Amino acid sequence: MVLQYKLKSKTRWKDYHGKDTLEFPTDKYDFRLLNEAKTKILADKGPYEEVMKRFRQIEFFKHRR
């Protein structure tokens, strides 16, 4: 999965490599979650907490047996 971010005022998405790459607090950005091939949106544009909640849900069910 690929986590991407952009400033709310911008249009271009960038890959997210950790909070140290951000200039501002996370509430100034939009985040989204894509599959590895970047062909499907797994979690649409939203705040960091919501997207990470969806990320954890997917990881939990992916490794559940």
C-alpha atoms as a PDB file:
ATOM      1  CA  MET A   1       0.000   0.000   0.000  1.00  0.00           C
ATOM      2  CA  VAL A   2       1.099   3.530  -0.730  1.00  0.00           C
ATOM      3  CA  LEU A   3       0.223   6.490   1.459  1.00  0.00           C
ATOM      4  CA  GLN A   4       0.148   9.832  -0.343  1.00  0.00           C
ATOM      5  CA  TYR A   5      -0.301  13.407   0.860  1.00  0.00           C
ATOM      6  CA  LYS A   6      -0.815  16.921  -0.471  1.00  0.00           C
ATOM      7  CA  LEU A   7      -1.425  20.358   0.971  1.00  0.00           C
ATOM      8  CA  LYS A   8      -5.144  21.136   0.948  1.00  0.00           C
ATOM      9  CA  SER A   9      -4.514  24.081  -1.393  1.00  0.00           C
ATOM     10  CA  LYS A  10      -2.413  22.071  -3.896  1.00  0.00           C
ATOM     11  CA  THR A  11      -3.431  19.507  -6.521  1.00  0.00           C
ATOM     12  CA  ARG A  12      -0.397  17.233  -6.850  1.00  0.00           C
ATOM     13  CA  TRP A  13      -0.096  14.128  -4.649  1.00  0.00           C
ATOM     14  CA  LYS A  14       3.287  13.044  -3.222  1.00  0.00           C
ATOM     15  CA  ASP A  15       4.331   9.746  -1.647  1.00  0.00           C
ATOM     16  CA  TYR A  16       4.466   9.922   2.136  1.00  0.00           C
ATOM     17  CA  HIS A  17       7.747   8.825   3.742  1.00  0.00           C
ATOM     18  CA  GLY A  18       7.110   9.871   7.333  1.00  0.00           C
ATOM     19  CA  LYS A  19       6.167  12.888   9.392  1.00  0.00           C
ATOM     20  CA  ASP A  20       9.674  14.356   9.159  1.00  0.00           C
ATOM     21  CA  THR A  21       9.033  15.145   5.452  1.00  0.00           C
ATOM     22  CA  LEU A  22       6.077  17.423   6.300  1.00  0.00           C
ATOM     23  CA  GLU A  23       6.594  21.166   6.685  1.00  0.00           C
ATOM     24  CA  PHE A  24       3.310  21.763   8.541  1.00  0.00           C
ATOM     25  CA  PRO A  25       1.152  19.774  11.002  1.00  0.00           C
ATOM     26  CA  THR A  26      -0.835  16.868   9.528  1.00  0.00           C
ATOM     27  CA  ASP A  27      -4.153  18.754   9.791  1.00  0.00           C
ATOM     28  CA  LYS A  28      -3.015  21.057   6.939  1.00  0.00           C
ATOM     29  CA  TYR A  29      -2.711  18.083   4.544  1.00  0.00           C
ATOM     30  CA  ASP A  30      -5.009  15.623   2.803  1.00  0.00           C
ATOM     31  CA  PHE A  31      -4.001  11.970   2.768  1.00  0.00           C
ATOM     32  CA  ARG A  32      -5.093   8.980   0.707  1.00  0.00           C
ATOM     33  CA  LEU A  33      -4.225   5.295   0.523  1.00  0.00           C
ATOM     34  CA  LEU A  34      -3.576   3.452  -2.756  1.00  0.00           C
ATOM     35  CA  ASN A  35      -2.742  -0.137  -3.616  1.00  0.00           C
ATOM     36  CA  GLU A  36       0.877  -0.961  -4.448  1.00  0.00           C
ATOM     37  CA  ALA A  37       0.374  -0.514  -8.212  1.00  0.00           C
ATOM     38  CA  LYS A  38      -1.368   2.850  -7.590  1.00  0.00           C
ATOM     39  CA  THR A  39      -4.389   1.746  -9.614  1.00  0.00           C
ATOM     40  CA  LYS A  40      -7.041   1.630  -6.849  1.00  0.00           C
ATOM     41  CA  ILE A  41      -7.878   4.074  -4.093  1.00  0.00           C
ATOM     42  CA  LEU A  42      -8.273   2.131  -0.842  1.00  0.00           C
ATOM     43  CA  ALA A  43      -9.032   5.165   1.340  1.00  0.00           C
ATOM     44  CA  ASP A  44     -10.177   8.362  -0.324  1.00  0.00           C
ATOM     45  CA  LYS A  45      -8.963  11.857   0.525  1.00  0.00           C
ATOM     46  CA  GLY A  46      -9.253  12.614   4.231  1.00  0.00           C
ATOM     47  CA  PRO A  47      -7.436  13.501   7.432  1.00  0.00           C
ATOM     48  CA  TYR A  48      -4.392  11.527   8.573  1.00  0.00           C
ATOM     49  CA  GLU A  49      -6.228   9.781  11.430  1.00  0.00           C
ATOM     50  CA  GLU A  50      -9.025   8.458   9.189  1.00  0.00           C
ATOM     51  CA  VAL A  51      -6.667   7.172   6.498  1.00  0.00           C
ATOM     52  CA  MET A  52      -4.399   5.487   9.040  1.00  0.00           C
ATOM     53  CA  LYS A  53      -7.429   3.877  10.693  1.00  0.00           C
ATOM     54  CA  ARG A  54      -8.353   2.335   7.318  1.00  0.00           C
ATOM     55  CA  PHE A  55      -4.708   1.283   6.779  1.00  0.00           C
ATOM     56  CA  ARG A  56      -4.686  -0.569  10.105  1.00  0.00           C
ATOM     57  CA  GLN A  57      -8.017  -2.268   9.277  1.00  0.00           C
ATOM     58  CA  ILE A  58      -6.667  -3.555   5.971  1.00  0.00           C
ATOM     59  CA  GLU A  59      -3.434  -4.789   7.578  1.00  0.00           C
ATOM     60  CA  PHE A  60      -5.344  -6.549  10.360  1.00  0.00           C
ATOM     61  CA  PHE A  61      -7.604  -8.485   7.975  1.00  0.00           C
ATOM     62  CA  LYS A  62      -4.774  -9.207   5.551  1.00  0.00           C
ATOM     63  CA  HIS A  63      -2.776 -11.048   8.231  1.00  0.00           C
ATOM     64  CA  ARG A  64      -5.725 -12.663  10.005  1.00  0.00           C
ATOM     65  CA  ARG A  65      -6.039 -16.445   9.814  1.00  0.00           C
END
